[in-house]
N, C-alpha and C. Protein backbone atom coordinates (compact mmCIF):
# COMPACT_ATOMS: atom_id res chain seq x y z
N MET A 1 -99.40 -11.04 4.58
CA MET A 1 -97.98 -10.80 4.75
C MET A 1 -97.18 -12.05 4.43
N SER A 2 -97.70 -13.22 4.76
CA SER A 2 -96.96 -14.44 4.47
C SER A 2 -96.85 -14.68 2.97
N ARG A 3 -97.72 -14.04 2.18
CA ARG A 3 -97.61 -14.16 0.73
C ARG A 3 -96.56 -13.19 0.17
N ALA A 4 -96.38 -12.06 0.81
CA ALA A 4 -95.44 -11.05 0.31
C ALA A 4 -93.99 -11.51 0.46
N ASN A 5 -93.64 -12.07 1.60
CA ASN A 5 -92.27 -12.53 1.84
C ASN A 5 -92.30 -13.65 2.89
N PRO A 6 -92.58 -14.88 2.48
CA PRO A 6 -92.71 -15.97 3.45
C PRO A 6 -91.42 -16.30 4.19
N GLN A 7 -90.25 -16.04 3.59
CA GLN A 7 -88.98 -16.34 4.25
C GLN A 7 -88.71 -15.41 5.43
N LEU A 8 -89.30 -14.23 5.40
CA LEU A 8 -89.06 -13.27 6.48
C LEU A 8 -89.55 -13.81 7.82
N LEU A 9 -90.71 -14.44 7.83
CA LEU A 9 -91.24 -14.99 9.07
C LEU A 9 -90.46 -16.22 9.54
N GLN A 10 -89.74 -16.87 8.64
CA GLN A 10 -88.94 -18.03 9.01
C GLN A 10 -87.60 -17.63 9.63
N THR A 11 -87.22 -16.37 9.50
CA THR A 11 -85.95 -15.88 10.03
C THR A 11 -86.02 -15.83 11.56
N THR A 12 -84.96 -16.23 12.20
CA THR A 12 -84.89 -16.24 13.66
C THR A 12 -85.09 -14.85 14.23
N GLY A 13 -85.99 -14.72 15.18
CA GLY A 13 -86.21 -13.45 15.86
C GLY A 13 -87.20 -12.52 15.20
N VAL A 14 -87.74 -12.90 14.04
CA VAL A 14 -88.67 -12.02 13.34
C VAL A 14 -90.09 -12.51 13.58
N GLY A 15 -90.89 -11.65 14.18
CA GLY A 15 -92.30 -11.96 14.40
C GLY A 15 -93.17 -11.21 13.41
N ILE A 16 -94.46 -11.34 13.58
CA ILE A 16 -95.40 -10.72 12.64
C ILE A 16 -95.30 -9.20 12.66
N VAL A 17 -95.19 -8.62 13.84
CA VAL A 17 -95.15 -7.16 13.95
C VAL A 17 -93.87 -6.60 13.32
N ASN A 18 -92.74 -7.23 13.64
CA ASN A 18 -91.46 -6.75 13.08
C ASN A 18 -91.42 -6.95 11.57
N ALA A 19 -91.90 -8.08 11.10
CA ALA A 19 -91.91 -8.34 9.67
C ALA A 19 -92.80 -7.36 8.93
N SER A 20 -93.97 -7.08 9.50
CA SER A 20 -94.88 -6.13 8.83
C SER A 20 -94.28 -4.73 8.80
N GLN A 21 -93.57 -4.35 9.85
CA GLN A 21 -92.94 -3.03 9.87
C GLN A 21 -91.87 -2.92 8.79
N LEU A 22 -91.05 -3.95 8.65
CA LEU A 22 -90.00 -3.93 7.63
C LEU A 22 -90.59 -3.98 6.23
N LEU A 23 -91.66 -4.74 6.04
CA LEU A 23 -92.30 -4.79 4.72
C LEU A 23 -92.97 -3.46 4.39
N MET A 24 -93.52 -2.79 5.40
CA MET A 24 -94.14 -1.48 5.15
C MET A 24 -93.11 -0.46 4.71
N ILE A 25 -91.97 -0.41 5.37
CA ILE A 25 -90.96 0.57 5.00
C ILE A 25 -90.41 0.27 3.61
N ALA A 26 -90.28 -1.00 3.26
CA ALA A 26 -89.80 -1.36 1.93
C ALA A 26 -90.86 -1.06 0.88
N GLY A 27 -92.11 -1.30 1.20
CA GLY A 27 -93.19 -1.06 0.23
C GLY A 27 -93.49 0.41 0.01
N ASP A 28 -93.27 1.23 1.03
CA ASP A 28 -93.52 2.67 0.90
C ASP A 28 -92.45 3.39 0.10
N ASN A 29 -91.27 2.78 -0.03
CA ASN A 29 -90.14 3.45 -0.68
C ASN A 29 -89.46 2.54 -1.70
N PRO A 30 -90.18 1.97 -2.66
CA PRO A 30 -89.52 1.05 -3.59
C PRO A 30 -88.49 1.73 -4.48
N ASP A 31 -88.67 3.02 -4.76
CA ASP A 31 -87.71 3.71 -5.62
C ASP A 31 -86.40 4.01 -4.91
N ARG A 32 -86.39 3.98 -3.59
CA ARG A 32 -85.17 4.26 -2.83
C ARG A 32 -84.36 3.01 -2.52
N LEU A 33 -84.87 1.84 -2.85
CA LEU A 33 -84.20 0.58 -2.52
C LEU A 33 -83.43 0.06 -3.73
N HIS A 34 -82.15 0.37 -3.77
CA HIS A 34 -81.30 -0.08 -4.86
C HIS A 34 -80.38 -1.21 -4.41
N SER A 35 -80.12 -1.28 -3.11
CA SER A 35 -79.21 -2.29 -2.59
C SER A 35 -79.54 -2.54 -1.12
N GLU A 36 -78.83 -3.49 -0.53
CA GLU A 36 -79.01 -3.77 0.90
C GLU A 36 -78.57 -2.58 1.75
N ALA A 37 -77.55 -1.88 1.29
CA ALA A 37 -77.07 -0.71 2.02
C ALA A 37 -78.10 0.41 2.00
N SER A 38 -78.83 0.55 0.90
CA SER A 38 -79.86 1.59 0.84
C SER A 38 -81.02 1.27 1.78
N PHE A 39 -81.32 -0.02 1.97
CA PHE A 39 -82.36 -0.40 2.94
C PHE A 39 -81.90 -0.08 4.35
N ALA A 40 -80.63 -0.36 4.65
CA ALA A 40 -80.09 -0.03 5.97
C ALA A 40 -80.12 1.48 6.20
N MET A 41 -79.83 2.26 5.17
CA MET A 41 -79.89 3.72 5.28
C MET A 41 -81.33 4.18 5.53
N LEU A 42 -82.26 3.55 4.85
CA LEU A 42 -83.67 3.89 5.00
C LEU A 42 -84.16 3.60 6.42
N CYS A 43 -83.64 2.53 7.03
CA CYS A 43 -84.04 2.15 8.39
C CYS A 43 -83.22 2.88 9.45
N GLY A 44 -82.20 3.59 9.06
CA GLY A 44 -81.35 4.26 10.04
C GLY A 44 -80.38 3.29 10.70
N ALA A 45 -80.01 2.23 10.00
CA ALA A 45 -79.11 1.22 10.56
C ALA A 45 -77.76 1.21 9.87
N CYS A 46 -77.47 2.24 9.09
CA CYS A 46 -76.18 2.29 8.41
C CYS A 46 -75.14 2.95 9.33
N PRO A 47 -73.90 2.52 9.23
CA PRO A 47 -72.87 3.11 10.09
C PRO A 47 -72.46 4.50 9.63
N VAL A 48 -72.25 5.37 10.60
CA VAL A 48 -71.80 6.74 10.35
C VAL A 48 -70.53 6.94 11.19
N PRO A 49 -69.45 7.44 10.62
CA PRO A 49 -68.23 7.64 11.41
C PRO A 49 -68.47 8.61 12.58
N ALA A 50 -68.03 8.20 13.75
CA ALA A 50 -68.14 9.04 14.95
C ALA A 50 -66.81 8.99 15.69
N SER A 51 -65.74 9.23 14.99
CA SER A 51 -64.40 9.11 15.55
C SER A 51 -63.95 10.40 16.19
N SER A 52 -63.13 10.24 17.20
CA SER A 52 -62.51 11.41 17.82
C SER A 52 -61.12 10.99 18.27
N GLY A 53 -60.13 11.71 17.82
CA GLY A 53 -58.76 11.39 18.21
C GLY A 53 -58.27 10.10 17.59
N GLN A 54 -57.71 9.24 18.42
CA GLN A 54 -57.11 8.01 17.92
C GLN A 54 -58.10 6.86 17.82
N VAL A 55 -59.27 6.99 18.39
CA VAL A 55 -60.26 5.92 18.40
C VAL A 55 -61.15 6.04 17.16
N THR A 56 -61.28 4.95 16.43
CA THR A 56 -62.15 4.93 15.26
C THR A 56 -63.42 4.17 15.63
N ARG A 57 -64.53 4.88 15.65
CA ARG A 57 -65.81 4.28 16.01
C ARG A 57 -66.85 4.66 14.99
N TYR A 58 -67.92 3.90 14.99
CA TYR A 58 -69.07 4.18 14.14
C TYR A 58 -70.32 4.13 15.00
N ARG A 59 -71.28 4.94 14.65
CA ARG A 59 -72.58 4.89 15.30
C ARG A 59 -73.62 4.70 14.21
N LEU A 60 -74.83 4.38 14.62
CA LEU A 60 -75.89 4.22 13.64
C LEU A 60 -76.43 5.58 13.25
N ASN A 61 -76.89 5.66 12.03
CA ASN A 61 -77.48 6.88 11.50
C ASN A 61 -78.72 7.24 12.31
N ARG A 62 -78.84 8.48 12.70
CA ARG A 62 -80.02 8.91 13.47
C ARG A 62 -81.19 9.24 12.57
N GLY A 63 -80.96 9.29 11.28
CA GLY A 63 -82.05 9.52 10.34
C GLY A 63 -82.75 8.21 10.05
N GLY A 64 -83.63 8.23 9.13
CA GLY A 64 -84.32 7.00 8.74
C GLY A 64 -85.59 6.79 9.53
N ASP A 65 -86.25 5.71 9.23
CA ASP A 65 -87.52 5.38 9.86
C ASP A 65 -87.28 4.80 11.24
N ARG A 66 -87.79 5.46 12.27
CA ARG A 66 -87.53 5.04 13.64
C ARG A 66 -88.24 3.74 13.99
N GLN A 67 -89.43 3.51 13.42
CA GLN A 67 -90.14 2.27 13.71
C GLN A 67 -89.42 1.07 13.09
N ALA A 68 -88.87 1.24 11.89
CA ALA A 68 -88.11 0.16 11.26
C ALA A 68 -86.83 -0.10 12.05
N ASN A 69 -86.18 0.96 12.52
CA ASN A 69 -84.98 0.80 13.32
C ASN A 69 -85.31 0.07 14.62
N SER A 70 -86.46 0.40 15.21
CA SER A 70 -86.90 -0.28 16.43
C SER A 70 -87.17 -1.75 16.17
N ALA A 71 -87.75 -2.07 15.02
CA ALA A 71 -88.00 -3.47 14.66
C ALA A 71 -86.67 -4.22 14.51
N LEU A 72 -85.69 -3.59 13.86
CA LEU A 72 -84.37 -4.21 13.72
C LEU A 72 -83.73 -4.44 15.09
N HIS A 73 -83.91 -3.50 15.99
CA HIS A 73 -83.34 -3.63 17.34
C HIS A 73 -83.99 -4.81 18.07
N ARG A 74 -85.30 -4.93 17.99
CA ARG A 74 -86.00 -6.05 18.65
C ARG A 74 -85.55 -7.38 18.07
N ILE A 75 -85.36 -7.44 16.76
CA ILE A 75 -84.89 -8.68 16.13
C ILE A 75 -83.48 -9.02 16.61
N ALA A 76 -82.60 -8.01 16.67
CA ALA A 76 -81.22 -8.25 17.11
C ALA A 76 -81.17 -8.73 18.55
N VAL A 77 -81.96 -8.13 19.43
CA VAL A 77 -81.97 -8.54 20.83
C VAL A 77 -82.54 -9.96 20.96
N ALA A 78 -83.59 -10.26 20.21
CA ALA A 78 -84.16 -11.61 20.26
C ALA A 78 -83.15 -12.64 19.79
N ARG A 79 -82.40 -12.32 18.75
CA ARG A 79 -81.38 -13.25 18.27
C ARG A 79 -80.27 -13.45 19.28
N LEU A 80 -79.87 -12.37 19.96
CA LEU A 80 -78.82 -12.50 20.96
C LEU A 80 -79.25 -13.41 22.10
N HIS A 81 -80.53 -13.46 22.39
CA HIS A 81 -81.03 -14.28 23.50
C HIS A 81 -81.32 -15.72 23.08
N THR A 82 -81.66 -15.96 21.81
CA THR A 82 -82.15 -17.29 21.43
C THR A 82 -81.30 -18.03 20.41
N ASP A 83 -80.62 -17.35 19.53
CA ASP A 83 -79.93 -18.00 18.42
C ASP A 83 -78.49 -18.32 18.80
N PRO A 84 -78.09 -19.60 18.78
CA PRO A 84 -76.72 -19.96 19.17
C PRO A 84 -75.66 -19.39 18.23
N ARG A 85 -75.96 -19.26 16.93
CA ARG A 85 -74.96 -18.71 16.01
C ARG A 85 -74.75 -17.22 16.27
N THR A 86 -75.82 -16.51 16.62
CA THR A 86 -75.67 -15.09 16.94
C THR A 86 -74.90 -14.92 18.24
N ARG A 87 -75.14 -15.81 19.20
CA ARG A 87 -74.38 -15.76 20.46
C ARG A 87 -72.89 -16.01 20.20
N ALA A 88 -72.59 -16.96 19.31
CA ALA A 88 -71.19 -17.23 18.98
C ALA A 88 -70.57 -16.01 18.29
N TYR A 89 -71.32 -15.36 17.40
CA TYR A 89 -70.85 -14.15 16.74
C TYR A 89 -70.56 -13.06 17.78
N ALA A 90 -71.48 -12.88 18.74
CA ALA A 90 -71.30 -11.86 19.77
C ALA A 90 -70.07 -12.18 20.63
N ALA A 91 -69.85 -13.44 20.94
CA ALA A 91 -68.67 -13.82 21.73
C ALA A 91 -67.39 -13.52 20.95
N ARG A 92 -67.40 -13.80 19.64
CA ARG A 92 -66.23 -13.48 18.81
C ARG A 92 -65.96 -11.99 18.79
N ARG A 93 -67.01 -11.19 18.66
CA ARG A 93 -66.83 -9.74 18.62
C ARG A 93 -66.37 -9.19 19.97
N ARG A 94 -66.83 -9.81 21.08
CA ARG A 94 -66.36 -9.37 22.40
C ARG A 94 -64.87 -9.64 22.57
N GLU A 95 -64.41 -10.77 22.02
CA GLU A 95 -62.99 -11.07 22.07
C GLU A 95 -62.17 -10.06 21.28
N GLN A 96 -62.79 -9.46 20.27
CA GLN A 96 -62.12 -8.43 19.47
C GLN A 96 -62.17 -7.07 20.14
N GLY A 97 -62.80 -6.99 21.32
CA GLY A 97 -62.85 -5.74 22.06
C GLY A 97 -64.10 -4.91 21.82
N LYS A 98 -65.09 -5.45 21.16
CA LYS A 98 -66.33 -4.71 20.90
C LYS A 98 -67.25 -4.81 22.11
N GLY A 99 -68.00 -3.75 22.36
CA GLY A 99 -68.99 -3.74 23.43
C GLY A 99 -70.35 -4.18 22.93
N THR A 100 -71.29 -4.28 23.83
CA THR A 100 -72.64 -4.74 23.48
C THR A 100 -73.31 -3.80 22.50
N LYS A 101 -73.14 -2.49 22.68
CA LYS A 101 -73.74 -1.54 21.74
C LYS A 101 -73.19 -1.71 20.34
N GLU A 102 -71.88 -1.88 20.25
CA GLU A 102 -71.26 -2.05 18.93
C GLU A 102 -71.69 -3.36 18.28
N ILE A 103 -71.86 -4.40 19.08
CA ILE A 103 -72.33 -5.69 18.56
C ILE A 103 -73.75 -5.54 18.03
N LEU A 104 -74.60 -4.83 18.77
CA LEU A 104 -75.97 -4.59 18.31
C LEU A 104 -75.97 -3.78 17.02
N HIS A 105 -75.09 -2.81 16.91
CA HIS A 105 -74.98 -2.02 15.67
C HIS A 105 -74.66 -2.92 14.49
N CYS A 106 -73.69 -3.81 14.68
CA CYS A 106 -73.32 -4.73 13.60
C CYS A 106 -74.47 -5.65 13.24
N LEU A 107 -75.18 -6.15 14.23
CA LEU A 107 -76.31 -7.04 13.97
C LEU A 107 -77.44 -6.30 13.25
N LYS A 108 -77.74 -5.08 13.68
CA LYS A 108 -78.81 -4.31 13.05
C LYS A 108 -78.48 -4.01 11.60
N ARG A 109 -77.22 -3.76 11.33
CA ARG A 109 -76.80 -3.48 9.95
C ARG A 109 -76.91 -4.73 9.09
N ALA A 110 -76.66 -5.89 9.69
CA ALA A 110 -76.63 -7.13 8.92
C ALA A 110 -77.99 -7.80 8.78
N ILE A 111 -78.95 -7.49 9.63
CA ILE A 111 -80.24 -8.18 9.60
C ILE A 111 -80.93 -8.07 8.24
N PRO A 112 -81.00 -6.91 7.61
CA PRO A 112 -81.68 -6.87 6.31
C PRO A 112 -80.99 -7.72 5.25
N THR A 113 -79.71 -7.98 5.40
CA THR A 113 -78.98 -8.73 4.38
C THR A 113 -78.94 -10.21 4.66
N CYS A 114 -79.31 -10.62 5.87
CA CYS A 114 -79.19 -12.03 6.25
C CYS A 114 -80.28 -12.87 5.59
N GLN A 115 -79.89 -14.05 5.18
CA GLN A 115 -80.87 -15.04 4.77
C GLN A 115 -81.41 -15.67 6.04
N ALA A 116 -82.33 -16.55 5.92
CA ALA A 116 -82.98 -17.15 7.10
C ALA A 116 -81.93 -17.78 8.02
N GLY A 117 -81.76 -17.19 9.20
CA GLY A 117 -80.90 -17.72 10.23
C GLY A 117 -79.43 -17.38 10.10
N ALA A 118 -79.01 -16.70 9.06
CA ALA A 118 -77.59 -16.40 8.88
C ALA A 118 -77.16 -15.27 9.81
N VAL A 119 -75.90 -15.25 10.16
CA VAL A 119 -75.34 -14.16 10.96
C VAL A 119 -74.18 -13.56 10.19
N PRO A 120 -73.81 -12.33 10.51
CA PRO A 120 -72.69 -11.68 9.80
C PRO A 120 -71.37 -12.39 10.07
N ARG A 121 -70.40 -12.16 9.21
CA ARG A 121 -69.09 -12.79 9.36
C ARG A 121 -68.18 -11.96 10.22
């Protein structure tokens, strides 16, 4: 696995099990991976509108590979606990009125696109 994508293991919060799960989902579906958004769709981490009335909200797609989505969730939670840049991002989003679930949604969507240690803007 370290030969397939050595940078993945260097990313904050990614362990061997999570990395292997993400590599398996990518390797099983190479024809479906055209962009970062398609990988998020494949993992079930893409946003889907769930608005009602005046409130505009998004939820994560319930489709996709559940094990890959679980791996993304574990990575996001690990980053929230250990990575200072992710904590700063979460604090910024809380100031904007986002809850913990919404922050996790944003992190899960951004994890496949992040370079080693980067957080979403």
